[in-house]
């Protein structure tokens, strides 16, 4: 299913009606950041894991029962 120019114009018109012209730049900026984060996450997922990323450091608070409190 491909969207042509008439369909895109209708979608843009509906978005303008719902959100108004004032909020459109903020919505576009948020969408741009979301797409960038998604692409960055998918590209990181394709990389081979290095020995540093395979090992997760253990936190001191990971096992509270091991503390010396009685």
Protein backbone atom coordinates (compact mmCIF):
# COMPACT_ATOMS: atom_id res chain seq x y z
CA UNK A 1 0.00 0.00 0.00
CA UNK A 2 1.59 3.23 -1.15
CA UNK A 3 0.56 6.72 -0.14
CA UNK A 4 0.40 9.20 -2.96
CA UNK A 5 0.42 12.99 -2.85
CA UNK A 6 -3.37 13.36 -2.43
CA UNK A 7 -3.41 11.00 0.56
CA UNK A 8 -0.47 12.77 2.20
CA UNK A 9 -2.16 16.15 1.74
CA UNK A 10 -5.36 14.84 3.34
CA UNK A 11 -3.39 13.46 6.30
CA UNK A 12 -1.53 16.77 6.69
CA UNK A 13 -4.81 18.69 6.59
CA UNK A 14 -6.35 16.45 9.28
CA UNK A 15 -3.25 16.86 11.48
CA UNK A 16 -3.48 20.63 11.08
CA UNK A 17 -7.13 20.56 12.10
CA UNK A 18 -6.49 18.41 15.17
CA UNK A 19 -3.32 20.00 16.54
CA UNK A 20 -3.27 23.46 14.99
CA UNK A 21 -0.43 25.19 13.21
CA UNK A 22 1.21 26.35 16.45
CA UNK A 23 1.89 22.86 17.78
CA UNK A 24 3.02 21.38 14.47
CA UNK A 25 6.74 22.32 14.88
CA UNK A 26 6.81 20.73 18.34
CA UNK A 27 5.19 17.56 17.01
CA UNK A 28 7.66 17.39 14.12
CA UNK A 29 10.59 17.87 16.50
CA UNK A 30 9.35 15.09 18.78
CA UNK A 31 8.81 12.80 15.82
CA UNK A 32 12.32 13.54 14.53
CA UNK A 33 13.84 12.69 17.93
CA UNK A 34 11.83 9.47 18.13
CA UNK A 35 12.91 8.36 14.65
CA UNK A 36 16.54 9.20 15.45
CA UNK A 37 16.42 7.21 18.70
CA UNK A 38 14.79 4.28 16.91
CA UNK A 39 17.41 4.24 14.16
CA UNK A 40 20.21 4.52 16.69
CA UNK A 41 18.77 1.63 18.70
CA UNK A 42 18.38 -0.60 15.67
CA UNK A 43 21.90 0.12 14.46
CA UNK A 44 23.29 -0.71 17.91
CA UNK A 45 21.38 -3.99 17.84
CA UNK A 46 23.10 -5.04 14.62
CA UNK A 47 26.61 -4.59 15.98
CA UNK A 48 28.50 -7.57 17.34
CA UNK A 49 28.64 -7.55 21.12
CA UNK A 50 32.08 -6.82 22.48
CA UNK A 51 33.45 -8.42 25.65
CA UNK A 52 32.76 -5.13 27.43
CA UNK A 53 29.08 -5.16 26.49
CA UNK A 54 28.64 -8.84 27.27
CA UNK A 55 29.68 -8.43 30.88
CA UNK A 56 27.39 -6.36 33.04
CA UNK A 57 28.90 -4.86 36.17
CA UNK A 58 27.31 -6.05 39.38
CA UNK A 59 26.04 -3.38 41.67
CA UNK A 60 26.77 -3.44 45.38
CA UNK A 61 23.04 -3.12 45.97
CA UNK A 62 22.22 -6.09 43.73
CA UNK A 63 21.99 -8.50 46.67
CA UNK A 64 20.79 -6.72 49.82
CA UNK A 65 20.77 -10.00 51.77
CA UNK A 66 24.59 -10.14 51.55
CA UNK A 67 24.99 -7.03 53.69
CA UNK A 68 26.32 -7.26 57.24
CA UNK A 69 23.22 -5.78 58.84
CA UNK A 70 21.67 -8.02 61.50
